[in-house]
Amino acid sequence: MTIKLLYFASLREALGTNSEELALPAEVSDVAALKVFLAARGAAWQALTQSRSLRAAVNQQMAGPDSGICDGDEVAFFPPVTGG
C-alpha cells in the first residue's frame, strides 16, 4: 500500500520535509501503527508518538489513532494551531 504523507508547521521544520509518498508494510493499517512505523526512523520522527497534541487527518478528515488507512490515502500530521 502506498500513501501520501503531509507534515505541517513545526513538525515540517523538525523533519525537514513537507510531504512524501511512502509504501507501507501490510501491518500498518491505522494512524496509530503509522505513527509507530514513522517514529522508528529516528530522533526527529519520535515527535509523532511523543506529542499528545499532534493531530492527524486522513483524506482531509480529522482522524483518531484507530482510523484506518488504505492504499492511495493522504495522511496529514500537524500540531494544533492557535491564534492571538
C-alpha atoms as a PDB file:
ATOM      1  CA  MET A   1       0.000   0.000   0.000  1.00  0.00           C
ATOM      2  CA  THR A   2       1.266   3.469  -0.880  1.00  0.00           C
ATOM      3  CA  ILE A   3       0.068   6.649   0.824  1.00  0.00           C
ATOM      4  CA  LYS A   4       0.887  10.339   0.649  1.00  0.00           C
ATOM      5  CA  LEU A   5       2.064  11.977   3.866  1.00  0.00           C
ATOM      6  CA  LEU A   6       1.883  15.691   4.644  1.00  0.00           C
ATOM      7  CA  TYR A   7       3.670  17.418   7.531  1.00  0.00           C
ATOM      8  CA  PHE A   8       2.780  20.915   8.733  1.00  0.00           C
ATOM      9  CA  ALA A   9       4.138  23.752  10.879  1.00  0.00           C
ATOM     10  CA  SER A  10       6.846  22.911  13.435  1.00  0.00           C
ATOM     11  CA  LEU A  11       6.660  19.228  12.533  1.00  0.00           C
ATOM     12  CA  ARG A  12       7.570  20.045   8.924  1.00  0.00           C
ATOM     13  CA  GLU A  13      10.541  22.067  10.147  1.00  0.00           C
ATOM     14  CA  ALA A  14      11.753  19.340  12.518  1.00  0.00           C
ATOM     15  CA  LEU A  15      11.502  16.622   9.855  1.00  0.00           C
ATOM     16  CA  GLY A  16      12.956  18.728   7.043  1.00  0.00           C
ATOM     17  CA  THR A  17      10.176  17.832   4.606  1.00  0.00           C
ATOM     18  CA  ASN A  18       6.592  18.824   3.949  1.00  0.00           C
ATOM     19  CA  SER A  19       5.447  15.687   2.123  1.00  0.00           C
ATOM     20  CA  GLU A  20       6.392  12.277   0.848  1.00  0.00           C
ATOM     21  CA  GLU A  21       4.922   9.182  -0.732  1.00  0.00           C
ATOM     22  CA  LEU A  22       5.556   6.032   1.220  1.00  0.00           C
ATOM     23  CA  ALA A  23       4.993   2.324   0.677  1.00  0.00           C
ATOM     24  CA  LEU A  24       3.805   0.708   3.895  1.00  0.00           C
ATOM     25  CA  PRO A  25       4.008  -2.877   5.118  1.00  0.00           C
ATOM     26  CA  ALA A  26       0.677  -4.717   5.484  1.00  0.00           C
ATOM     27  CA  GLU A  27       0.683  -4.473   9.287  1.00  0.00           C
ATOM     28  CA  VAL A  28       0.442  -0.660   9.140  1.00  0.00           C
ATOM     29  CA  SER A  29      -3.296  -0.218   8.694  1.00  0.00           C
ATOM     30  CA  ASP A  30      -4.273   2.642  11.019  1.00  0.00           C
ATOM     31  CA  VAL A  31      -2.983   6.023  12.177  1.00  0.00           C
ATOM     32  CA  ALA A  32      -1.502   4.678  15.421  1.00  0.00           C
ATOM     33  CA  ALA A  33       0.514   1.999  13.610  1.00  0.00           C
ATOM     34  CA  LEU A  34       1.646   4.576  11.050  1.00  0.00           C
ATOM     35  CA  LYS A  35       2.982   6.848  13.804  1.00  0.00           C
ATOM     36  CA  VAL A  36       4.943   3.966  15.346  1.00  0.00           C
ATOM     37  CA  PHE A  37       6.289   2.950  11.926  1.00  0.00           C
ATOM     38  CA  LEU A  38       7.450   6.503  11.179  1.00  0.00           C
ATOM     39  CA  ALA A  39       8.882   7.032  14.696  1.00  0.00           C
ATOM     40  CA  ALA A  40      11.242   4.113  14.077  1.00  0.00           C
ATOM     41  CA  ARG A  41      13.059   6.327  11.551  1.00  0.00           C
ATOM     42  CA  GLY A  42      14.934   8.147  14.324  1.00  0.00           C
ATOM     43  CA  ALA A  43      15.048  11.021  16.766  1.00  0.00           C
ATOM     44  CA  ALA A  44      13.175  13.750  14.864  1.00  0.00           C
ATOM     45  CA  TRP A  45      10.430  11.292  13.972  1.00  0.00           C
ATOM     46  CA  GLN A  46       9.835  10.423  17.637  1.00  0.00           C
ATOM     47  CA  ALA A  47       7.640  13.538  17.894  1.00  0.00           C
ATOM     48  CA  LEU A  48       4.937  11.595  16.074  1.00  0.00           C
ATOM     49  CA  THR A  49       4.487   9.276  19.047  1.00  0.00           C
ATOM     50  CA  GLN A  50       5.586  11.544  21.899  1.00  0.00           C
ATOM     51  CA  SER A  51       3.378  14.582  21.326  1.00  0.00           C
ATOM     52  CA  ARG A  52      -0.084  14.303  22.885  1.00  0.00           C
ATOM     53  CA  SER A  53      -1.298  17.348  20.970  1.00  0.00           C
ATOM     54  CA  LEU A  54      -0.322  16.165  17.483  1.00  0.00           C
ATOM     55  CA  ARG A  55      -3.341  15.911  15.179  1.00  0.00           C
ATOM     56  CA  ALA A  56      -3.893  13.696  12.158  1.00  0.00           C
ATOM     57  CA  ALA A  57      -6.222  13.812   9.188  1.00  0.00           C
ATOM     58  CA  VAL A  58      -6.950  11.099   6.643  1.00  0.00           C
ATOM     59  CA  ASN A  59      -8.179  12.408   3.303  1.00  0.00           C
ATOM     60  CA  GLN A  60      -8.771  15.833   4.879  1.00  0.00           C
ATOM     61  CA  GLN A  61     -10.984  14.447   7.661  1.00  0.00           C
ATOM     62  CA  MET A  62      -9.842  14.565  11.290  1.00  0.00           C
ATOM     63  CA  ALA A  63      -8.681  11.119  12.332  1.00  0.00           C
ATOM     64  CA  GLY A  64      -8.074   9.334  15.602  1.00  0.00           C
ATOM     65  CA  PRO A  65      -5.435   6.692  16.355  1.00  0.00           C
ATOM     66  CA  ASP A  66      -7.727   3.858  15.289  1.00  0.00           C
ATOM     67  CA  SER A  67      -8.708   5.472  11.969  1.00  0.00           C
ATOM     68  CA  GLY A  68      -7.897   3.121   9.118  1.00  0.00           C
ATOM     69  CA  ILE A  69      -5.658   3.981   6.201  1.00  0.00           C
ATOM     70  CA  CYS A  70      -5.894   2.471   2.726  1.00  0.00           C
ATOM     71  CA  ASP A  71      -3.897   2.479  -0.463  1.00  0.00           C
ATOM     72  CA  GLY A  72      -3.863   5.936  -2.033  1.00  0.00           C
ATOM     73  CA  ASP A  73      -4.917   7.792   1.132  1.00  0.00           C
ATOM     74  CA  GLU A  74      -3.494  11.164   2.104  1.00  0.00           C
ATOM     75  CA  VAL A  75      -2.469  11.380   5.756  1.00  0.00           C
ATOM     76  CA  ALA A  76      -1.552  14.734   7.287  1.00  0.00           C
ATOM     77  CA  PHE A  77       0.113  15.354  10.651  1.00  0.00           C
ATOM     78  CA  PHE A  78       0.034  18.759  12.289  1.00  0.00           C
ATOM     79  CA  PRO A  79       0.378  20.367  15.709  1.00  0.00           C
ATOM     80  CA  PRO A  80      -2.592  22.350  16.992  1.00  0.00           C
ATOM     81  CA  VAL A  81      -2.580  25.961  15.840  1.00  0.00           C
ATOM     82  CA  THR A  82      -3.651  28.890  17.969  1.00  0.00           C
ATOM     83  CA  GLY A  83      -4.176  32.489  17.102  1.00  0.00           C
ATOM     84  CA  GLY A  84      -3.711  35.591  19.116  1.00  0.00           C
END
